[in-house]
């Protein structure tokens, strides 16, 4: 395996691992009652962008 392919797979693995850890952190941090508040914050930010 040449260096470019190895670097590609290491980068892809790192991105997948980062996404998994981020999802786990959000699910651990956000309680069910906070999901509504988080959704409200996201919709407020989306309204500001428009």
Protein backbone atom coordinates (compact mmCIF):
# COMPACT_ATOMS: atom_id res chain seq x y z
CA UNK A 1 0.00 0.00 0.00
CA UNK A 2 1.52 3.29 -1.00
CA UNK A 3 1.71 6.33 1.26
CA UNK A 4 -1.21 8.19 -0.36
CA UNK A 5 -3.65 5.32 0.16
CA UNK A 6 -2.46 4.82 3.72
CA UNK A 7 -2.88 8.53 4.49
CA UNK A 8 -6.36 8.49 2.92
CA UNK A 9 -7.51 5.56 5.05
CA UNK A 10 -6.01 7.07 8.20
CA UNK A 11 -7.80 10.36 7.48
CA UNK A 12 -11.09 8.59 6.74
CA UNK A 13 -10.79 6.52 9.92
CA UNK A 14 -10.03 9.63 11.95
CA UNK A 15 -13.06 11.47 10.56
CA UNK A 16 -15.37 8.53 11.27
CA UNK A 17 -13.98 8.22 14.79
CA UNK A 18 -14.41 11.96 15.39
CA UNK A 19 -18.01 11.82 14.16
CA UNK A 20 -18.75 8.87 16.45
CA UNK A 21 -17.23 10.57 19.49
CA UNK A 22 -19.09 13.80 18.75
CA UNK A 23 -22.40 11.95 18.42
CA UNK A 24 -21.75 10.08 21.66
CA UNK A 25 -20.92 13.33 23.46
CA UNK A 26 -24.09 15.01 22.24
CA UNK A 27 -26.26 12.07 23.21
CA UNK A 28 -24.67 11.98 26.66
CA UNK A 29 -24.89 15.74 27.13
CA UNK A 30 -28.40 16.41 25.87
CA UNK A 31 -31.14 15.19 28.13
CA UNK A 32 -34.55 14.57 26.51
CA UNK A 33 -35.96 17.85 27.85
CA UNK A 34 -32.95 19.69 26.46
CA UNK A 35 -33.58 18.38 22.94
CA UNK A 36 -36.52 20.77 22.58
CA UNK A 37 -34.38 23.68 23.70
CA UNK A 38 -31.57 22.62 21.38
CA UNK A 39 -34.05 22.45 18.49
CA UNK A 40 -35.34 25.91 19.36
CA UNK A 41 -31.80 27.28 19.36
CA UNK A 42 -31.08 25.72 15.98
CA UNK A 43 -34.29 27.08 14.46
CA UNK A 44 -33.51 30.52 15.89
CA UNK A 45 -30.03 30.43 14.32
CA UNK A 46 -31.49 29.25 11.01
CA UNK A 47 -33.95 32.18 11.11
CA UNK A 48 -31.07 34.58 11.69
CA UNK A 49 -29.23 33.23 8.65
CA UNK A 50 -32.23 33.79 6.37
